[in-house]
Amino acid sequence: MPNTMCAEATSVDFSAAEFKRNAKAYAEHKRVVDAIATGIAKANGGYDNFDDAIAQIRSVWESLRDQVSRGGGYTPDAAQGFGSNNAAQIASAITGDKTSVTEIRKAFATLGK
């Protein structure tokens, strides 16, 4: 009787190399893929599909980038937990272009040497 439980299945249409390539791509973008998949899987308040997720994310991203360029004059109340950061600085940090405190301290210490 042939063994139907093979360690590696073969297919004319899909290869082990493709499977490995997809796994590598997933590993490189895991956080984003998982976030979108979680949003799609939500029964309420999630995304309808991948395209819907991308459209909503693009809208939020564009709003935050607009906040970076126009939000310098507004500083939320300190009780909200943002310290003395203005709206532009907050959006800049959320979208990843603000240098972390650790990086600033390291650069400043290096400059002082």
PDB file of N, CA and C in Angstrom:
ATOM      1  N   MET A   1       0.848  -1.171   0.000  1.00  0.00           N
ATOM      2  CA  MET A   1       0.000   0.000   0.000  1.00  0.00           C
ATOM      3  C   MET A   1       0.897   1.239   0.000  1.00  0.00           C
ATOM      4  N   PRO A   2       0.649   2.204  -0.905  1.00  0.00           N
ATOM      5  CA  PRO A   2       1.500   3.398  -0.980  1.00  0.00           C
ATOM      6  C   PRO A   2       1.307   4.292   0.234  1.00  0.00           C
ATOM      7  N   ASN A   3       2.369   4.997   0.593  1.00  0.00           N
ATOM      8  CA  ASN A   3       2.341   5.926   1.718  1.00  0.00           C
ATOM      9  C   ASN A   3       1.692   7.224   1.255  1.00  0.00           C
ATOM     10  N   THR A   4       0.549   7.568   1.832  1.00  0.00           N
ATOM     11  CA  THR A   4      -0.140   8.805   1.460  1.00  0.00           C
ATOM     12  C   THR A   4       0.284   9.980   2.318  1.00  0.00           C
ATOM     13  N   MET A   5       1.077   9.751   3.338  1.00  0.00           N
ATOM     14  CA  MET A   5       1.554  10.821   4.218  1.00  0.00           C
ATOM     15  C   MET A   5       3.009  11.144   3.857  1.00  0.00           C
ATOM     16  N   CYS A   6       3.219  11.896   2.800  1.00  0.00           N
ATOM     17  CA  CYS A   6       4.561  12.247   2.343  1.00  0.00           C
ATOM     18  C   CYS A   6       5.072  13.453   3.118  1.00  0.00           C
ATOM     19  N   ALA A   7       6.367  13.456   3.352  1.00  0.00           N
ATOM     20  CA  ALA A   7       6.980  14.589   4.042  1.00  0.00           C
ATOM     21  C   ALA A   7       6.947  15.825   3.162  1.00  0.00           C
ATOM     22  N   GLU A   8       7.058  15.626   1.850  1.00  0.00           N
ATOM     23  CA  GLU A   8       7.056  16.763   0.939  1.00  0.00           C
ATOM     24  C   GLU A   8       6.211  16.411  -0.269  1.00  0.00           C
ATOM     25  N   ALA A   9       5.115  17.096  -0.428  1.00  0.00           N
ATOM     26  CA  ALA A   9       4.240  16.857  -1.571  1.00  0.00           C
ATOM     27  C   ALA A   9       4.803  17.555  -2.787  1.00  0.00           C
ATOM     28  N   THR A  10       4.601  16.971  -3.941  1.00  0.00           N
ATOM     29  CA  THR A  10       5.049  17.601  -5.175  1.00  0.00           C
ATOM     30  C   THR A  10       3.834  17.912  -6.022  1.00  0.00           C
ATOM     31  N   SER A  11       3.960  18.938  -6.827  1.00  0.00           N
ATOM     32  CA  SER A  11       2.867  19.358  -7.675  1.00  0.00           C
ATOM     33  C   SER A  11       3.437  19.967  -8.937  1.00  0.00           C
ATOM     34  N   VAL A  12       2.732  19.774 -10.017  1.00  0.00           N
ATOM     35  CA  VAL A  12       3.158  20.361 -11.274  1.00  0.00           C
ATOM     36  C   VAL A  12       2.994  21.883 -11.223  1.00  0.00           C
ATOM     37  N   ASP A  13       1.958  22.354 -10.506  1.00  0.00           N
ATOM     38  CA  ASP A  13       1.634  23.774 -10.493  1.00  0.00           C
ATOM     39  C   ASP A  13       2.306  24.570  -9.374  1.00  0.00           C
ATOM     40  N   PHE A  14       2.820  23.915  -8.368  1.00  0.00           N
ATOM     41  CA  PHE A  14       3.397  24.622  -7.223  1.00  0.00           C
ATOM     42  C   PHE A  14       4.582  23.831  -6.705  1.00  0.00           C
ATOM     43  N   SER A  15       5.685  24.522  -6.408  1.00  0.00           N
ATOM     44  CA  SER A  15       6.907  23.824  -6.015  1.00  0.00           C
ATOM     45  C   SER A  15       7.327  24.143  -4.590  1.00  0.00           C
ATOM     46  N   ALA A  16       8.231  23.325  -4.090  1.00  0.00           N
ATOM     47  CA  ALA A  16       8.810  23.559  -2.764  1.00  0.00           C
ATOM     48  C   ALA A  16       9.560  24.887  -2.743  1.00  0.00           C
ATOM     49  N   ALA A  17      10.179  25.245  -3.854  1.00  0.00           N
ATOM     50  CA  ALA A  17      10.909  26.520  -3.935  1.00  0.00           C
ATOM     51  C   ALA A  17       9.948  27.704  -3.798  1.00  0.00           C
ATOM     52  N   GLU A  18       8.786  27.607  -4.436  1.00  0.00           N
ATOM     53  CA  GLU A  18       7.785  28.667  -4.299  1.00  0.00           C
ATOM     54  C   GLU A  18       7.280  28.755  -2.865  1.00  0.00           C
ATOM     55  N   PHE A  19       7.049  27.598  -2.257  1.00  0.00           N
ATOM     56  CA  PHE A  19       6.587  27.548  -0.874  1.00  0.00           C
ATOM     57  C   PHE A  19       7.599  28.230   0.039  1.00  0.00           C
ATOM     58  N   LYS A  20       8.876  27.929  -0.156  1.00  0.00           N
ATOM     59  CA  LYS A  20       9.933  28.529   0.663  1.00  0.00           C
ATOM     60  C   LYS A  20      10.031  30.032   0.395  1.00  0.00           C
ATOM     61  N   ARG A  21       9.904  30.436  -0.853  1.00  0.00           N
ATOM     62  CA  ARG A  21       9.959  31.863  -1.205  1.00  0.00           C
ATOM     63  C   ARG A  21       8.807  32.615  -0.534  1.00  0.00           C
ATOM     64  N   ASN A  22       7.609  32.017  -0.538  1.00  0.00           N
ATOM     65  CA  ASN A  22       6.462  32.643   0.123  1.00  0.00           C
ATOM     66  C   ASN A  22       6.669  32.743   1.627  1.00  0.00           C
ATOM     67  N   ALA A  23       7.252  31.712   2.219  1.00  0.00           N
ATOM     68  CA  ALA A  23       7.528  31.735   3.655  1.00  0.00           C
ATOM     69  C   ALA A  23       8.525  32.841   3.992  1.00  0.00           C
ATOM     70  N   LYS A  24       9.527  33.016   3.153  1.00  0.00           N
ATOM     71  CA  LYS A  24      10.529  34.066   3.373  1.00  0.00           C
ATOM     72  C   LYS A  24       9.873  35.446   3.272  1.00  0.00           C
ATOM     73  N   ALA A  25       9.029  35.638   2.253  1.00  0.00           N
ATOM     74  CA  ALA A  25       8.343  36.926   2.086  1.00  0.00           C
ATOM     75  C   ALA A  25       7.420  37.198   3.268  1.00  0.00           C
ATOM     76  N   TYR A  26       6.712  36.160   3.713  1.00  0.00           N
ATOM     77  CA  TYR A  26       5.833  36.319   4.880  1.00  0.00           C
ATOM     78  C   TYR A  26       6.648  36.724   6.104  1.00  0.00           C
ATOM     79  N   ALA A  27       7.762  36.052   6.329  1.00  0.00           N
ATOM     80  CA  ALA A  27       8.600  36.355   7.498  1.00  0.00           C
ATOM     81  C   ALA A  27       9.084  37.801   7.458  1.00  0.00           C
ATOM     82  N   GLU A  28       9.397  38.305   6.273  1.00  0.00           N
ATOM     83  CA  GLU A  28       9.882  39.682   6.134  1.00  0.00           C
ATOM     84  C   GLU A  28       8.781  40.716   6.378  1.00  0.00           C
ATOM     85  N   HIS A  29       7.528  40.337   6.161  1.00  0.00           N
ATOM     86  CA  HIS A  29       6.415  41.287   6.276  1.00  0.00           C
ATOM     87  C   HIS A  29       5.343  40.789   7.237  1.00  0.00           C
ATOM     88  N   LYS A  30       5.736  39.922   8.156  1.00  0.00           N
ATOM     89  CA  LYS A  30       4.818  39.240   9.061  1.00  0.00           C
ATOM     90  C   LYS A  30       3.896  40.196   9.821  1.00  0.00           C
ATOM     91  N   ARG A  31       4.446  41.231  10.386  1.00  0.00           N
ATOM     92  CA  ARG A  31       3.630  42.141  11.204  1.00  0.00           C
ATOM     93  C   ARG A  31       2.487  42.764  10.413  1.00  0.00           C
ATOM     94  N   VAL A  32       2.768  43.181   9.182  1.00  0.00           N
ATOM     95  CA  VAL A  32       1.738  43.815   8.368  1.00  0.00           C
ATOM     96  C   VAL A  32       0.722  42.775   7.888  1.00  0.00           C
ATOM     97  N   VAL A  33       1.207  41.640   7.397  1.00  0.00           N
ATOM     98  CA  VAL A  33       0.303  40.587   6.921  1.00  0.00           C
ATOM     99  C   VAL A  33      -0.607  40.122   8.046  1.00  0.00           C
ATOM    100  N   ASP A  34      -0.039  39.888   9.224  1.00  0.00           N
ATOM    101  CA  ASP A  34      -0.842  39.426  10.361  1.00  0.00           C
ATOM    102  C   ASP A  34      -1.883  40.467  10.778  1.00  0.00           C
ATOM    103  N   ALA A  35      -1.501  41.740  10.749  1.00  0.00           N
ATOM    104  CA  ALA A  35      -2.440  42.801  11.129  1.00  0.00           C
ATOM    105  C   ALA A  35      -3.612  42.863  10.147  1.00  0.00           C
ATOM    106  N   ILE A  36      -3.322  42.769   8.866  1.00  0.00           N
ATOM    107  CA  ILE A  36      -4.393  42.806   7.865  1.00  0.00           C
ATOM    108  C   ILE A  36      -5.271  41.565   7.999  1.00  0.00           C
ATOM    109  N   ALA A  37      -4.654  40.398   8.145  1.00  0.00           N
ATOM    110  CA  ALA A  37      -5.428  39.153   8.282  1.00  0.00           C
ATOM    111  C   ALA A  37      -6.317  39.196   9.517  1.00  0.00           C
ATOM    112  N   THR A  38      -5.802  39.734  10.615  1.00  0.00           N
ATOM    113  CA  THR A  38      -6.606  39.858  11.834  1.00  0.00           C
ATOM    114  C   THR A  38      -7.789  40.784  11.590  1.00  0.00           C
ATOM    115  N   GLY A  39      -7.554  41.881  10.891  1.00  0.00           N
ATOM    116  CA  GLY A  39      -8.633  42.820  10.577  1.00  0.00           C
ATOM    117  C   GLY A  39      -9.676  42.207   9.668  1.00  0.00           C
ATOM    118  N   ILE A  40      -9.265  41.399   8.708  1.00  0.00           N
ATOM    119  CA  ILE A  40     -10.209  40.741   7.801  1.00  0.00           C
ATOM    120  C   ILE A  40     -11.025  39.703   8.563  1.00  0.00           C
ATOM    121  N   ALA A  41     -10.400  39.012   9.522  1.00  0.00           N
ATOM    122  CA  ALA A  41     -11.071  37.953  10.269  1.00  0.00           C
ATOM    123  C   ALA A  41     -12.076  38.472  11.294  1.00  0.00           C
ATOM    124  N   LYS A  42     -11.977  39.760  11.664  1.00  0.00           N
ATOM    125  CA  LYS A  42     -12.897  40.320  12.658  1.00  0.00           C
ATOM    126  C   LYS A  42     -14.327  40.306  12.126  1.00  0.00           C
ATOM    127  N   ALA A  43     -15.243  39.848  12.967  1.00  0.00           N
ATOM    128  CA  ALA A  43     -16.654  39.821  12.561  1.00  0.00           C
ATOM    129  C   ALA A  43     -17.221  41.237  12.450  1.00  0.00           C
ATOM    130  N   ASN A  44     -16.840  42.109  13.359  1.00  0.00           N
ATOM    131  CA  ASN A  44     -17.329  43.490  13.370  1.00  0.00           C
ATOM    132  C   ASN A  44     -16.144  44.445  13.443  1.00  0.00           C
ATOM    133  N   GLY A  45     -16.206  45.482  12.639  1.00  0.00           N
ATOM    134  CA  GLY A  45     -15.177  46.513  12.712  1.00  0.00           C
ATOM    135  C   GLY A  45     -13.879  46.179  12.021  1.00  0.00           C
ATOM    136  N   GLY A  46     -13.863  45.129  11.223  1.00  0.00           N
ATOM    137  CA  GLY A  46     -12.638  44.769  10.511  1.00  0.00           C
ATOM    138  C   GLY A  46     -12.664  45.275   9.083  1.00  0.00           C
ATOM    139  N   TYR A  47     -11.877  44.636   8.244  1.00  0.00           N
ATOM    140  CA  TYR A  47     -11.824  44.984   6.825  1.00  0.00           C
ATOM    141  C   TYR A  47     -12.644  43.970   6.044  1.00  0.00           C
ATOM    142  N   ASP A  48     -13.246  44.421   4.947  1.00  0.00           N
ATOM    143  CA  ASP A  48     -14.022  43.516   4.094  1.00  0.00           C
ATOM    144  C   ASP A  48     -13.113  42.530   3.364  1.00  0.00           C
ATOM    145  N   ASN A  49     -11.957  43.018   2.939  1.00  0.00           N
ATOM    146  CA  ASN A  49     -11.001  42.204   2.192  1.00  0.00           C
ATOM    147  C   ASN A  49      -9.670  42.951   2.152  1.00  0.00           C
ATOM    148  N   PHE A  50      -8.696  42.395   1.459  1.00  0.00           N
ATOM    149  CA  PHE A  50      -7.366  42.994   1.389  1.00  0.00           C
ATOM    150  C   PHE A  50      -7.418  44.408   0.811  1.00  0.00           C
ATOM    151  N   ASP A  51      -8.136  44.589  -0.294  1.00  0.00           N
ATOM    152  CA  ASP A  51      -8.204  45.912  -0.930  1.00  0.00           C
ATOM    153  C   ASP A  51      -8.830  46.950  -0.009  1.00  0.00           C
ATOM    154  N   ASP A  52      -9.861  46.548   0.738  1.00  0.00           N
ATOM    155  CA  ASP A  52     -10.485  47.446   1.711  1.00  0.00           C
ATOM    156  C   ASP A  52      -9.486  47.831   2.795  1.00  0.00           C
ATOM    157  N   ALA A  53      -8.714  46.866   3.269  1.00  0.00           N
ATOM    158  CA  ALA A  53      -7.704  47.142   4.296  1.00  0.00           C
ATOM    159  C   ALA A  53      -6.685  48.158   3.789  1.00  0.00           C
ATOM    160  N   ILE A  54      -6.189  47.946   2.593  1.00  0.00           N
ATOM    161  CA  ILE A  54      -5.194  48.857   2.023  1.00  0.00           C
ATOM    162  C   ILE A  54      -5.786  50.252   1.842  1.00  0.00           C
ATOM    163  N   ALA A  55      -7.031  50.348   1.370  1.00  0.00           N
ATOM    164  CA  ALA A  55      -7.677  51.656   1.182  1.00  0.00           C
ATOM    165  C   ALA A  55      -7.825  52.386   2.512  1.00  0.00           C
ATOM    166  N   GLN A  56      -8.256  51.685   3.551  1.00  0.00           N
ATOM    167  CA  GLN A  56      -8.421  52.322   4.857  1.00  0.00           C
ATOM    168  C   GLN A  56      -7.076  52.726   5.449  1.00  0.00           C
ATOM    169  N   ILE A  57      -6.086  51.872   5.315  1.00  0.00           N
ATOM    170  CA  ILE A  57      -4.746  52.193   5.828  1.00  0.00           C
ATOM    171  C   ILE A  57      -4.167  53.386   5.084  1.00  0.00           C
ATOM    172  N   ARG A  58      -4.354  53.413   3.767  1.00  0.00           N
ATOM    173  CA  ARG A  58      -3.858  54.544   2.972  1.00  0.00           C
ATOM    174  C   ARG A  58      -4.504  55.848   3.438  1.00  0.00           C
ATOM    175  N   SER A  59      -5.801  55.822   3.710  1.00  0.00           N
ATOM    176  CA  SER A  59      -6.516  57.010   4.176  1.00  0.00           C
ATOM    177  C   SER A  59      -5.963  57.495   5.518  1.00  0.00           C
ATOM    178  N   VAL A  60      -5.756  56.568   6.436  1.00  0.00           N
ATOM    179  CA  VAL A  60      -5.200  56.935   7.747  1.00  0.00           C
ATOM    180  C   VAL A  60      -3.785  57.482   7.581  1.00  0.00           C
ATOM    181  N   TRP A  61      -2.965  56.801   6.774  1.00  0.00           N
ATOM    182  CA  TRP A  61      -1.575  57.225   6.561  1.00  0.00           C
ATOM    183  C   TRP A  61      -1.531  58.636   5.979  1.00  0.00           C
ATOM    184  N   GLU A  62      -2.382  58.905   4.975  1.00  0.00           N
ATOM    185  CA  GLU A  62      -2.406  60.229   4.362  1.00  0.00           C
ATOM    186  C   GLU A  62      -2.845  61.295   5.362  1.00  0.00           C
ATOM    187  N   SER A  63      -3.788  60.972   6.227  1.00  0.00           N
ATOM    188  CA  SER A  63      -4.217  61.920   7.266  1.00  0.00           C
ATOM    189  C   SER A  63      -3.088  62.211   8.241  1.00  0.00           C
ATOM    190  N   LEU A  64      -2.350  61.170   8.623  1.00  0.00           N
ATOM    191  CA  LEU A  64      -1.224  61.360   9.547  1.00  0.00           C
ATOM    192  C   LEU A  64      -0.102  62.165   8.893  1.00  0.00           C
ATOM    193  N   ARG A  65       0.168  61.921   7.604  1.00  0.00           N
ATOM    194  CA  ARG A  65       1.215  62.682   6.913  1.00  0.00           C
ATOM    195  C   ARG A  65       0.788  64.149   6.768  1.00  0.00           C
ATOM    196  N   ASP A  66      -0.507  64.401   6.574  1.00  0.00           N
ATOM    197  CA  ASP A  66      -1.015  65.767   6.546  1.00  0.00           C
ATOM    198  C   ASP A  66      -0.844  66.411   7.920  1.00  0.00           C
ATOM    199  N   GLN A  67      -1.082  65.640   8.965  1.00  0.00           N
ATOM    200  CA  GLN A  67      -0.890  66.134  10.334  1.00  0.00           C
ATOM    201  C   GLN A  67       0.573  66.500  10.565  1.00  0.00           C
ATOM    202  N   VAL A  68       1.507  65.726   9.999  1.00  0.00           N
ATOM    203  CA  VAL A  68       2.928  66.052  10.120  1.00  0.00           C
ATOM    204  C   VAL A  68       3.202  67.420   9.501  1.00  0.00           C
ATOM    205  N   SER A  69       2.632  67.667   8.335  1.00  0.00           N
ATOM    206  CA  SER A  69       2.947  68.922   7.641  1.00  0.00           C
ATOM    207  C   SER A  69       2.174  70.121   8.175  1.00  0.00           C
ATOM    208  N   ARG A  70       1.007  69.920   8.773  1.00  0.00           N
ATOM    209  CA  ARG A  70       0.199  71.062   9.199  1.00  0.00           C
ATOM    210  C   ARG A  70      -0.066  71.123  10.698  1.00  0.00           C
ATOM    211  N   GLY A  71       0.388  70.136  11.481  1.00  0.00           N
ATOM    212  CA  GLY A  71       0.017  70.063  12.891  1.00  0.00           C
ATOM    213  C   GLY A  71       0.972  70.691  13.882  1.00  0.00           C
ATOM    214  N   GLY A  72       1.978  71.404  13.400  1.00  0.00           N
ATOM    215  CA  GLY A  72       2.966  71.992  14.295  1.00  0.00           C
ATOM    216  C   GLY A  72       2.409  73.030  15.258  1.00  0.00           C
ATOM    217  N   GLY A  73       1.307  73.652  14.906  1.00  0.00           N
ATOM    218  CA  GLY A  73       0.749  74.698  15.740  1.00  0.00           C
ATOM    219  C   GLY A  73      -0.223  74.222  16.811  1.00  0.00           C
ATOM    220  N   TYR A  74      -0.514  72.930  16.831  1.00  0.00           N
ATOM    221  CA  TYR A  74      -1.457  72.412  17.827  1.00  0.00           C
ATOM    222  C   TYR A  74      -0.758  71.432  18.758  1.00  0.00           C
ATOM    223  N   THR A  75      -0.834  71.718  20.047  1.00  0.00           N
ATOM    224  CA  THR A  75      -0.298  70.821  21.065  1.00  0.00           C
ATOM    225  C   THR A  75      -1.452  70.380  21.954  1.00  0.00           C
ATOM    226  N   PRO A  76      -1.719  69.066  22.005  1.00  0.00           N
ATOM    227  CA  PRO A  76      -2.816  68.596  22.853  1.00  0.00           C
ATOM    228  C   PRO A  76      -2.526  68.859  24.328  1.00  0.00           C
ATOM    229  N   ASP A  77      -3.572  68.891  25.108  1.00  0.00           N
ATOM    230  CA  ASP A  77      -3.450  69.071  26.554  1.00  0.00           C
ATOM    231  C   ASP A  77      -2.515  68.006  27.122  1.00  0.00           C
ATOM    232  N   ALA A  78      -1.630  68.400  28.015  1.00  0.00           N
ATOM    233  CA  ALA A  78      -0.650  67.481  28.603  1.00  0.00           C
ATOM    234  C   ALA A  78      -1.309  66.292  29.294  1.00  0.00           C
ATOM    235  N   ALA A  79      -2.521  66.466  29.787  1.00  0.00           N
ATOM    236  CA  ALA A  79      -3.241  65.384  30.469  1.00  0.00           C
ATOM    237  C   ALA A  79      -3.554  64.218  29.531  1.00  0.00           C
ATOM    238  N   GLN A  80      -3.477  64.452  28.219  1.00  0.00           N
ATOM    239  CA  GLN A  80      -3.753  63.388  27.258  1.00  0.00           C
ATOM    240  C   GLN A  80      -2.574  62.420  27.113  1.00  0.00           C
ATOM    241  N   GLY A  81      -1.452  62.744  27.693  1.00  0.00           N
ATOM    242  CA  GLY A  81      -0.320  61.817  27.704  1.00  0.00           C
ATOM    243  C   GLY A  81       0.720  61.998  26.616  1.00  0.00           C
ATOM    244  N   PHE A  82       0.674  63.105  25.888  1.00  0.00           N
ATOM    245  CA  PHE A  82       1.644  63.315  24.815  1.00  0.00           C
ATOM    246  C   PHE A  82       2.785  64.235  25.218  1.00  0.00           C
ATOM    247  N   GLY A  83       2.855  64.587  26.473  1.00  0.00           N
ATOM    248  CA  GLY A  83       3.901  65.487  26.934  1.00  0.00           C
ATOM    249  C   GLY A  83       3.790  66.829  26.243  1.00  0.00           C
ATOM    250  N   SER A  84       4.936  67.358  25.828  1.00  0.00           N
ATOM    251  CA  SER A  84       4.929  68.658  25.151  1.00  0.00           C
ATOM    252  C   SER A  84       4.962  68.513  23.635  1.00  0.00           C
ATOM    253  N   ASN A  85       4.751  67.296  23.129  1.00  0.00           N
ATOM    254  CA  ASN A  85       4.765  67.081  21.680  1.00  0.00           C
ATOM    255  C   ASN A  85       3.548  67.711  21.018  1.00  0.00           C
ATOM    256  N   ASN A  86       3.798  68.364  19.873  1.00  0.00           N
ATOM    257  CA  ASN A  86       2.683  68.911  19.107  1.00  0.00           C
ATOM    258  C   ASN A  86       2.130  67.829  18.169  1.00  0.00           C
ATOM    259  N   ALA A  87       1.042  68.140  17.480  1.00  0.00           N
ATOM    260  CA  ALA A  87       0.376  67.165  16.621  1.00  0.00           C
ATOM    261  C   ALA A  87       1.295  66.651  15.512  1.00  0.00           C
ATOM    262  N   ALA A  88       2.138  67.516  14.971  1.00  0.00           N
ATOM    263  CA  ALA A  88       3.071  67.103  13.917  1.00  0.00           C
ATOM    264  C   ALA A  88       4.085  66.090  14.456  1.00  0.00           C
ATOM    265  N   GLN A  89       4.622  66.343  15.636  1.00  0.00           N
ATOM    266  CA  GLN A  89       5.595  65.428  16.233  1.00  0.00           C
ATOM    267  C   GLN A  89       4.966  64.076  16.558  1.00  0.00           C
ATOM    268  N   ILE A  90       3.745  64.095  17.008  1.00  0.00           N
ATOM    269  CA  ILE A  90       3.044  62.849  17.348  1.00  0.00           C
ATOM    270  C   ILE A  90       2.836  62.012  16.085  1.00  0.00           C
ATOM    271  N   ALA A  91       2.333  62.626  15.022  1.00  0.00           N
ATOM    272  CA  ALA A  91       2.115  61.900  13.768  1.00  0.00           C
ATOM    273  C   ALA A  91       3.426  61.427  13.165  1.00  0.00           C
ATOM    274  N   SER A  92       4.459  62.219  13.292  1.00  0.00           N
ATOM    275  CA  SER A  92       5.773  61.838  12.792  1.00  0.00           C
ATOM    276  C   SER A  92       6.280  60.579  13.493  1.00  0.00           C
ATOM    277  N   ALA A  93       6.063  60.503  14.796  1.00  0.00           N
ATOM    278  CA  ALA A  93       6.471  59.319  15.552  1.00  0.00           C
ATOM    279  C   ALA A  93       5.651  58.096  15.148  1.00  0.00           C
ATOM    280  N   ILE A  94       4.348  58.271  14.946  1.00  0.00           N
ATOM    281  CA  ILE A  94       3.473  57.163  14.574  1.00  0.00           C
ATOM    282  C   ILE A  94       3.855  56.605  13.205  1.00  0.00           C
ATOM    283  N   THR A  95       4.209  57.475  12.276  1.00  0.00           N
ATOM    284  CA  THR A  95       4.542  57.031  10.920  1.00  0.00           C
ATOM    285  C   THR A  95       6.012  56.659  10.753  1.00  0.00           C
ATOM    286  N   GLY A  96       6.775  56.719  11.828  1.00  0.00           N
ATOM    287  CA  GLY A  96       8.119  56.165  11.814  1.00  0.00           C
ATOM    288  C   GLY A  96       9.254  57.075  11.433  1.00  0.00           C
ATOM    289  N   ASP A  97       9.028  58.387  11.219  1.00  0.00           N
ATOM    290  CA  ASP A  97      10.179  59.202  10.872  1.00  0.00           C
ATOM    291  C   ASP A  97      10.806  59.947  12.027  1.00  0.00           C
ATOM    292  N   LYS A  98      10.279  59.822  13.188  1.00  0.00           N
ATOM    293  CA  LYS A  98      10.877  60.491  14.335  1.00  0.00           C
ATOM    294  C   LYS A  98      11.963  59.591  14.929  1.00  0.00           C
ATOM    295  N   THR A  99      13.112  60.182  15.183  1.00  0.00           N
ATOM    296  CA  THR A  99      14.204  59.448  15.811  1.00  0.00           C
ATOM    297  C   THR A  99      13.848  59.158  17.258  1.00  0.00           C
ATOM    298  N   SER A 100      14.184  57.959  17.703  1.00  0.00           N
ATOM    299  CA  SER A 100      13.868  57.600  19.088  1.00  0.00           C
ATOM    300  C   SER A 100      14.779  58.346  20.053  1.00  0.00           C
ATOM    301  N   VAL A 101      14.356  58.437  21.291  1.00  0.00           N
ATOM    302  CA  VAL A 101      15.150  59.093  22.336  1.00  0.00           C
ATOM    303  C   VAL A 101      16.506  58.412  22.459  1.00  0.00           C
ATOM    304  N   THR A 102      16.519  57.087  22.381  1.00  0.00           N
ATOM    305  CA  THR A 102      17.783  56.341  22.472  1.00  0.00           C
ATOM    306  C   THR A 102      18.737  56.754  21.360  1.00  0.00           C
ATOM    307  N   GLU A 103      18.231  56.861  20.135  1.00  0.00           N
ATOM    308  CA  GLU A 103      19.081  57.254  19.007  1.00  0.00           C
ATOM    309  C   GLU A 103      19.586  58.682  19.169  1.00  0.00           C
ATOM    310  N   ILE A 104      18.735  59.572  19.675  1.00  0.00           N
ATOM    311  CA  ILE A 104      19.153  60.959  19.897  1.00  0.00           C
ATOM    312  C   ILE A 104      20.245  61.016  20.954  1.00  0.00           C
ATOM    313  N   ARG A 105      20.066  60.296  22.058  1.00  0.00           N
ATOM    314  CA  ARG A 105      21.083  60.284  23.117  1.00  0.00           C
ATOM    315  C   ARG A 105      22.412  59.738  22.608  1.00  0.00           C
ATOM    316  N   LYS A 106      22.345  58.654  21.838  1.00  0.00           N
ATOM    317  CA  LYS A 106      23.569  58.051  21.302  1.00  0.00           C
ATOM    318  C   LYS A 106      24.278  59.006  20.356  1.00  0.00           C
ATOM    319  N   ALA A 107      23.526  59.654  19.452  1.00  0.00           N
ATOM    320  CA  ALA A 107      24.131  60.601  18.511  1.00  0.00           C
ATOM    321  C   ALA A 107      24.727  61.800  19.239  1.00  0.00           C
ATOM    322  N   PHE A 108      24.031  62.295  20.269  1.00  0.00           N
ATOM    323  CA  PHE A 108      24.510  63.445  21.021  1.00  0.00           C
ATOM    324  C   PHE A 108      25.775  63.098  21.794  1.00  0.00           C
ATOM    325  N   ALA A 109      25.803  61.910  22.375  1.00  0.00           N
ATOM    326  CA  ALA A 109      27.003  61.461  23.102  1.00  0.00           C
ATOM    327  C   ALA A 109      28.179  61.285  22.154  1.00  0.00           C
ATOM    328  N   THR A 110      27.922  60.749  20.967  1.00  0.00           N
ATOM    329  CA  THR A 110      28.981  60.571  19.985  1.00  0.00           C
ATOM    330  C   THR A 110      29.516  61.930  19.533  1.00  0.00           C
ATOM    331  N   LEU A 111      28.630  62.884  19.332  1.00  0.00           N
ATOM    332  CA  LEU A 111      29.042  64.224  18.944  1.00  0.00           C
ATOM    333  C   LEU A 111      29.924  64.865  20.019  1.00  0.00           C
ATOM    334  N   GLY A 112      29.623  64.571  21.269  1.00  0.00           N
ATOM    335  CA  GLY A 112      30.368  65.160  22.387  1.00  0.00           C
ATOM    336  C   GLY A 112      31.737  64.539  22.627  1.00  0.00           C
ATOM    337  N   LYS A 113      32.053  63.465  21.964  1.00  0.00           N
ATOM    338  CA  LYS A 113      33.353  62.793  22.176  1.00  0.00           C
ATOM    339  C   LYS A 113      34.463  63.472  21.418  1.00  0.00           C
TER     340      LYS A 113
END
